[in-house]
Amino acid sequence: MTVLRRWWAPSHPAQLLLGLTLWSLWFVVLYGGLSVACALAPPRPGQGAFTAINGGLALLTLATLALLGWLAWRGLRAGGVSVGGSRFIALTGAGLHLFSAAGVAFVGLPIVTLPPCL
C-alpha cells in the first residue's frame, strides 16, 4: 500500500505520465463504449444529441475532467511548497494534467453535443 501511496504523491515522477495515461484510457473507453453502444442499442435516427449514450459519455468526460483537475490543483499546491527536483516534478506534472484535461474537454465536448452513431 505504501508503494501506491508514494506513486500518488504530487512530487513522484509517475505524475509525469499519469495525466496522459488517464487521457488515453478515457479516449479508449469513450470510443470503445460509443462503438459498442451504437452496435447494441442505437438511438432512433431523429432523437438528436439528448440520448442515454451521450449522457453516459458526458458523465465519463466530467468525471475524467474532475480527476485531472484535482490532480493538477494538487500538483500546483505541492509545487509551491516543494524545493529542488520535487518542485519541478510537481509543477510539470500539474501542467501535464492540465494539458490532458484540455484534451479531454476538446475531444469530449463535440462527442456529447452531436448525435451519437452517425
N, C-alpha and C. Protein backbone atom coordinates (compact mmCIF):
# COMPACT_ATOMS: atom_id res chain seq x y z
N MET A 1 0.82 -1.19 0.00
CA MET A 1 0.00 0.00 0.00
C MET A 1 0.87 1.26 0.00
N THR A 2 2.03 1.21 0.64
CA THR A 2 2.88 2.40 0.67
C THR A 2 3.48 2.72 -0.69
N VAL A 3 3.70 1.69 -1.52
CA VAL A 3 4.23 1.95 -2.87
C VAL A 3 3.20 2.73 -3.67
N LEU A 4 1.94 2.31 -3.61
CA LEU A 4 0.88 3.02 -4.32
C LEU A 4 0.71 4.44 -3.78
N ARG A 5 0.84 4.60 -2.49
CA ARG A 5 0.72 5.92 -1.88
C ARG A 5 1.84 6.84 -2.36
N ARG A 6 3.05 6.30 -2.50
CA ARG A 6 4.17 7.12 -3.00
C ARG A 6 3.96 7.51 -4.45
N TRP A 7 3.39 6.62 -5.26
CA TRP A 7 3.14 6.94 -6.67
C TRP A 7 2.14 8.08 -6.81
N TRP A 8 1.21 8.20 -5.88
CA TRP A 8 0.20 9.26 -5.94
C TRP A 8 0.71 10.57 -5.39
N ALA A 9 1.90 10.58 -4.79
CA ALA A 9 2.45 11.83 -4.27
C ALA A 9 2.67 12.81 -5.42
N PRO A 10 2.35 14.09 -5.23
CA PRO A 10 2.49 15.06 -6.32
C PRO A 10 3.92 15.22 -6.84
N SER A 11 4.90 14.87 -6.03
CA SER A 11 6.28 15.05 -6.46
C SER A 11 6.93 13.76 -6.97
N HIS A 12 6.14 12.70 -7.12
CA HIS A 12 6.67 11.44 -7.64
C HIS A 12 6.75 11.52 -9.16
N PRO A 13 7.81 10.98 -9.77
CA PRO A 13 7.95 11.04 -11.23
C PRO A 13 6.80 10.38 -12.00
N ALA A 14 6.04 9.52 -11.36
CA ALA A 14 4.90 8.90 -12.04
C ALA A 14 3.86 9.95 -12.45
N GLN A 15 3.86 11.09 -11.78
CA GLN A 15 2.91 12.16 -12.13
C GLN A 15 3.15 12.70 -13.54
N LEU A 16 4.36 12.52 -14.05
CA LEU A 16 4.67 13.00 -15.39
C LEU A 16 3.96 12.17 -16.46
N LEU A 17 3.57 10.95 -16.13
CA LEU A 17 2.89 10.07 -17.07
C LEU A 17 1.41 9.87 -16.75
N LEU A 18 1.02 10.16 -15.52
CA LEU A 18 -0.33 9.82 -15.07
C LEU A 18 -1.41 10.56 -15.85
N GLY A 19 -1.27 11.85 -16.07
CA GLY A 19 -2.29 12.61 -16.77
C GLY A 19 -2.50 12.13 -18.20
N LEU A 20 -1.41 11.90 -18.90
CA LEU A 20 -1.51 11.43 -20.28
C LEU A 20 -2.04 10.00 -20.34
N THR A 21 -1.71 9.19 -19.34
CA THR A 21 -2.24 7.83 -19.28
C THR A 21 -3.74 7.86 -19.02
N LEU A 22 -4.19 8.73 -18.11
CA LEU A 22 -5.62 8.85 -17.85
C LEU A 22 -6.36 9.35 -19.09
N TRP A 23 -5.76 10.29 -19.81
CA TRP A 23 -6.38 10.77 -21.05
C TRP A 23 -6.51 9.64 -22.06
N SER A 24 -5.46 8.85 -22.23
CA SER A 24 -5.53 7.78 -23.23
C SER A 24 -6.53 6.70 -22.83
N LEU A 25 -6.61 6.38 -21.54
CA LEU A 25 -7.62 5.41 -21.09
C LEU A 25 -9.02 5.95 -21.32
N TRP A 26 -9.23 7.23 -21.01
CA TRP A 26 -10.54 7.86 -21.26
C TRP A 26 -10.89 7.78 -22.75
N PHE A 27 -9.92 8.06 -23.60
CA PHE A 27 -10.14 8.06 -25.04
C PHE A 27 -10.56 6.68 -25.53
N VAL A 28 -9.88 5.65 -25.08
CA VAL A 28 -10.19 4.28 -25.49
C VAL A 28 -11.56 3.86 -24.97
N VAL A 29 -11.85 4.17 -23.69
CA VAL A 29 -13.15 3.80 -23.12
C VAL A 29 -14.26 4.58 -23.80
N LEU A 30 -14.03 5.86 -24.09
CA LEU A 30 -15.04 6.69 -24.73
C LEU A 30 -15.42 6.14 -26.10
N TYR A 31 -14.45 5.95 -26.96
CA TYR A 31 -14.76 5.49 -28.32
C TYR A 31 -15.12 4.01 -28.36
N GLY A 32 -14.53 3.22 -27.49
CA GLY A 32 -14.93 1.81 -27.41
C GLY A 32 -16.35 1.67 -26.92
N GLY A 33 -16.68 2.41 -25.87
CA GLY A 33 -18.05 2.38 -25.34
C GLY A 33 -19.06 2.91 -26.34
N LEU A 34 -18.70 3.96 -27.05
CA LEU A 34 -19.59 4.51 -28.07
C LEU A 34 -19.84 3.48 -29.18
N SER A 35 -18.80 2.81 -29.61
CA SER A 35 -18.95 1.81 -30.67
C SER A 35 -19.81 0.64 -30.22
N VAL A 36 -19.58 0.16 -29.02
CA VAL A 36 -20.37 -0.97 -28.51
C VAL A 36 -21.82 -0.55 -28.30
N ALA A 37 -22.04 0.63 -27.74
CA ALA A 37 -23.41 1.10 -27.51
C ALA A 37 -24.15 1.30 -28.82
N CYS A 38 -23.47 1.81 -29.82
CA CYS A 38 -24.12 2.01 -31.13
C CYS A 38 -24.41 0.69 -31.82
N ALA A 39 -23.60 -0.31 -31.58
CA ALA A 39 -23.84 -1.62 -32.19
C ALA A 39 -24.97 -2.37 -31.48
N LEU A 40 -25.06 -2.23 -30.16
CA LEU A 40 -26.05 -2.98 -29.41
C LEU A 40 -27.41 -2.28 -29.33
N ALA A 41 -27.43 -0.98 -29.11
CA ALA A 41 -28.69 -0.26 -28.91
C ALA A 41 -28.60 1.14 -29.51
N PRO A 42 -28.62 1.25 -30.83
CA PRO A 42 -28.54 2.59 -31.43
C PRO A 42 -29.82 3.39 -31.15
N PRO A 43 -29.69 4.69 -30.94
CA PRO A 43 -30.88 5.50 -30.70
C PRO A 43 -31.66 5.71 -32.00
N ARG A 44 -32.89 6.20 -31.85
CA ARG A 44 -33.70 6.49 -33.03
C ARG A 44 -33.01 7.57 -33.86
N PRO A 45 -33.13 7.54 -35.19
CA PRO A 45 -32.40 8.48 -36.05
C PRO A 45 -32.68 9.96 -35.76
N GLY A 46 -33.88 10.35 -35.44
CA GLY A 46 -34.18 11.76 -35.23
C GLY A 46 -34.12 12.22 -33.79
N GLN A 47 -33.54 11.43 -32.92
CA GLN A 47 -33.55 11.74 -31.49
C GLN A 47 -32.63 12.91 -31.13
N GLY A 48 -31.60 13.15 -31.90
CA GLY A 48 -30.69 14.25 -31.60
C GLY A 48 -29.61 13.86 -30.62
N ALA A 49 -29.10 14.86 -29.92
CA ALA A 49 -27.96 14.63 -29.02
C ALA A 49 -28.37 14.21 -27.62
N PHE A 50 -29.65 14.34 -27.27
CA PHE A 50 -30.08 14.01 -25.92
C PHE A 50 -30.46 12.54 -25.83
N THR A 51 -29.43 11.70 -25.72
CA THR A 51 -29.62 10.26 -25.64
C THR A 51 -28.94 9.72 -24.40
N ALA A 52 -29.27 8.50 -24.06
CA ALA A 52 -28.61 7.85 -22.92
C ALA A 52 -27.12 7.63 -23.21
N ILE A 53 -26.80 7.38 -24.46
CA ILE A 53 -25.39 7.18 -24.83
C ILE A 53 -24.60 8.46 -24.55
N ASN A 54 -25.11 9.59 -25.01
CA ASN A 54 -24.41 10.85 -24.77
C ASN A 54 -24.39 11.22 -23.29
N GLY A 55 -25.44 10.85 -22.56
CA GLY A 55 -25.45 11.09 -21.12
C GLY A 55 -24.34 10.33 -20.41
N GLY A 56 -24.16 9.07 -20.78
CA GLY A 56 -23.08 8.27 -20.20
C GLY A 56 -21.71 8.80 -20.58
N LEU A 57 -21.56 9.21 -21.84
CA LEU A 57 -20.28 9.78 -22.28
C LEU A 57 -20.00 11.10 -21.57
N ALA A 58 -21.04 11.88 -21.35
CA ALA A 58 -20.86 13.15 -20.64
C ALA A 58 -20.43 12.91 -19.19
N LEU A 59 -21.03 11.93 -18.53
CA LEU A 59 -20.64 11.62 -17.15
C LEU A 59 -19.20 11.14 -17.08
N LEU A 60 -18.82 10.29 -18.02
CA LEU A 60 -17.44 9.81 -18.07
C LEU A 60 -16.47 10.97 -18.30
N THR A 61 -16.83 11.87 -19.19
CA THR A 61 -15.98 13.02 -19.50
C THR A 61 -15.87 13.95 -18.30
N LEU A 62 -16.98 14.23 -17.64
CA LEU A 62 -16.94 15.11 -16.46
C LEU A 62 -16.15 14.49 -15.32
N ALA A 63 -16.28 13.19 -15.12
CA ALA A 63 -15.51 12.52 -14.06
C ALA A 63 -14.01 12.58 -14.36
N THR A 64 -13.65 12.38 -15.63
CA THR A 64 -12.24 12.44 -16.01
C THR A 64 -11.71 13.86 -15.86
N LEU A 65 -12.50 14.86 -16.27
CA LEU A 65 -12.08 16.25 -16.09
C LEU A 65 -11.90 16.60 -14.62
N ALA A 66 -12.81 16.12 -13.79
CA ALA A 66 -12.70 16.39 -12.35
C ALA A 66 -11.44 15.77 -11.76
N LEU A 67 -11.15 14.52 -12.14
CA LEU A 67 -9.95 13.86 -11.64
C LEU A 67 -8.68 14.58 -12.09
N LEU A 68 -8.61 14.92 -13.37
CA LEU A 68 -7.42 15.61 -13.88
C LEU A 68 -7.29 17.00 -13.28
N GLY A 69 -8.41 17.68 -13.09
CA GLY A 69 -8.36 19.00 -12.44
C GLY A 69 -7.88 18.91 -11.01
N TRP A 70 -8.35 17.90 -10.29
CA TRP A 70 -7.91 17.72 -8.91
C TRP A 70 -6.41 17.40 -8.85
N LEU A 71 -5.95 16.54 -9.74
CA LEU A 71 -4.53 16.21 -9.78
C LEU A 71 -3.68 17.44 -10.12
N ALA A 72 -4.16 18.27 -11.03
CA ALA A 72 -3.42 19.48 -11.39
C ALA A 72 -3.39 20.45 -10.22
N TRP A 73 -4.52 20.65 -9.56
CA TRP A 73 -4.57 21.55 -8.40
C TRP A 73 -3.64 21.07 -7.29
N ARG A 74 -3.64 19.76 -7.06
CA ARG A 74 -2.78 19.19 -6.02
C ARG A 74 -1.31 19.36 -6.37
N GLY A 75 -0.97 19.20 -7.65
CA GLY A 75 0.41 19.38 -8.08
C GLY A 75 0.86 20.84 -7.97
N LEU A 76 -0.01 21.76 -8.34
CA LEU A 76 0.32 23.19 -8.21
C LEU A 76 0.51 23.58 -6.76
N ARG A 77 -0.35 23.07 -5.91
CA ARG A 77 -0.23 23.37 -4.48
C ARG A 77 1.05 22.78 -3.90
N ALA A 78 1.40 21.56 -4.30
CA ALA A 78 2.63 20.94 -3.80
C ALA A 78 3.86 21.62 -4.37
N GLY A 79 3.77 22.11 -5.61
CA GLY A 79 4.90 22.80 -6.22
C GLY A 79 5.24 24.10 -5.54
N GLY A 80 4.28 24.69 -4.88
CA GLY A 80 4.54 25.94 -4.17
C GLY A 80 5.34 25.76 -2.89
N VAL A 81 5.29 24.59 -2.30
CA VAL A 81 6.00 24.37 -1.04
C VAL A 81 7.21 23.46 -1.20
N SER A 82 7.34 22.80 -2.35
CA SER A 82 8.47 21.89 -2.57
C SER A 82 9.71 22.67 -2.97
N VAL A 83 10.85 21.99 -2.91
CA VAL A 83 12.11 22.60 -3.33
C VAL A 83 12.83 21.63 -4.26
N GLY A 84 13.67 22.18 -5.12
CA GLY A 84 14.54 21.37 -5.98
C GLY A 84 13.78 20.57 -7.01
N GLY A 85 14.23 19.33 -7.19
CA GLY A 85 13.67 18.46 -8.22
C GLY A 85 12.23 18.08 -7.96
N SER A 86 11.83 17.98 -6.70
CA SER A 86 10.45 17.62 -6.42
C SER A 86 9.51 18.76 -6.82
N ARG A 87 9.98 20.01 -6.74
CA ARG A 87 9.17 21.15 -7.18
C ARG A 87 8.97 21.08 -8.70
N PHE A 88 10.04 20.78 -9.42
CA PHE A 88 9.95 20.67 -10.87
C PHE A 88 8.97 19.58 -11.27
N ILE A 89 9.06 18.42 -10.64
CA ILE A 89 8.17 17.31 -10.98
C ILE A 89 6.73 17.66 -10.65
N ALA A 90 6.48 18.27 -9.50
CA ALA A 90 5.11 18.62 -9.12
C ALA A 90 4.51 19.63 -10.09
N LEU A 91 5.26 20.66 -10.46
CA LEU A 91 4.73 21.68 -11.36
C LEU A 91 4.61 21.17 -12.80
N THR A 92 5.57 20.37 -13.25
CA THR A 92 5.48 19.81 -14.60
C THR A 92 4.34 18.80 -14.68
N GLY A 93 4.19 17.99 -13.65
CA GLY A 93 3.07 17.05 -13.60
C GLY A 93 1.73 17.78 -13.62
N ALA A 94 1.64 18.89 -12.87
CA ALA A 94 0.41 19.68 -12.87
C ALA A 94 0.13 20.23 -14.26
N GLY A 95 1.16 20.70 -14.94
CA GLY A 95 0.98 21.20 -16.30
C GLY A 95 0.52 20.11 -17.25
N LEU A 96 1.07 18.92 -17.10
CA LEU A 96 0.66 17.80 -17.95
C LEU A 96 -0.77 17.36 -17.64
N HIS A 97 -1.17 17.45 -16.38
CA HIS A 97 -2.56 17.15 -16.03
C HIS A 97 -3.50 18.17 -16.67
N LEU A 98 -3.11 19.44 -16.63
CA LEU A 98 -3.93 20.48 -17.27
C LEU A 98 -3.99 20.28 -18.78
N PHE A 99 -2.87 19.92 -19.39
CA PHE A 99 -2.83 19.64 -20.82
C PHE A 99 -3.75 18.47 -21.16
N SER A 100 -3.73 17.43 -20.34
CA SER A 100 -4.59 16.27 -20.56
C SER A 100 -6.06 16.65 -20.38
N ALA A 101 -6.35 17.49 -19.38
CA ALA A 101 -7.73 17.95 -19.18
C ALA A 101 -8.22 18.76 -20.37
N ALA A 102 -7.34 19.57 -20.95
CA ALA A 102 -7.72 20.33 -22.14
C ALA A 102 -8.02 19.38 -23.30
N GLY A 103 -7.25 18.31 -23.43
CA GLY A 103 -7.51 17.31 -24.46
C GLY A 103 -8.84 16.60 -24.25
N VAL A 104 -9.16 16.30 -23.00
CA VAL A 104 -10.44 15.67 -22.70
C VAL A 104 -11.58 16.62 -23.06
N ALA A 105 -11.46 17.88 -22.69
CA ALA A 105 -12.51 18.85 -23.00
C ALA A 105 -12.64 19.07 -24.50
N PHE A 106 -11.52 19.15 -25.19
CA PHE A 106 -11.52 19.42 -26.63
C PHE A 106 -12.17 18.27 -27.41
N VAL A 107 -11.90 17.04 -27.01
CA VAL A 107 -12.47 15.89 -27.70
C VAL A 107 -13.86 15.57 -27.16
N GLY A 108 -14.07 15.76 -25.87
CA GLY A 108 -15.33 15.37 -25.25
C GLY A 108 -16.50 16.28 -25.56
N LEU A 109 -16.27 17.56 -25.74
CA LEU A 109 -17.37 18.49 -25.98
C LEU A 109 -18.12 18.17 -27.27
N PRO A 110 -17.46 17.97 -28.40
CA PRO A 110 -18.22 17.62 -29.61
C PRO A 110 -18.90 16.26 -29.50
N ILE A 111 -18.29 15.33 -28.79
CA ILE A 111 -18.86 14.00 -28.66
C ILE A 111 -20.24 14.07 -27.98
N VAL A 112 -20.35 14.88 -26.94
CA VAL A 112 -21.60 14.91 -26.19
C VAL A 112 -22.60 15.91 -26.76
N THR A 113 -22.22 16.75 -27.69
CA THR A 113 -23.17 17.69 -28.26
C THR A 113 -23.69 17.26 -29.62
N LEU A 114 -23.07 16.29 -30.25
CA LEU A 114 -23.53 15.76 -31.53
C LEU A 114 -24.32 14.48 -31.31
N PRO A 115 -25.23 14.17 -32.22
CA PRO A 115 -25.95 12.90 -32.08
C PRO A 115 -24.99 11.72 -32.21
N PRO A 116 -25.16 10.69 -31.39
CA PRO A 116 -24.27 9.54 -31.49
C PRO A 116 -24.62 8.67 -32.69
N CYS A 117 -23.74 7.78 -33.02
CA CYS A 117 -23.98 6.75 -34.04
C CYS A 117 -24.26 7.33 -35.42
N LEU A 118 -23.58 8.37 -35.80
CA LEU A 118 -23.78 8.94 -37.15
C LEU A 118 -23.12 8.11 -38.20
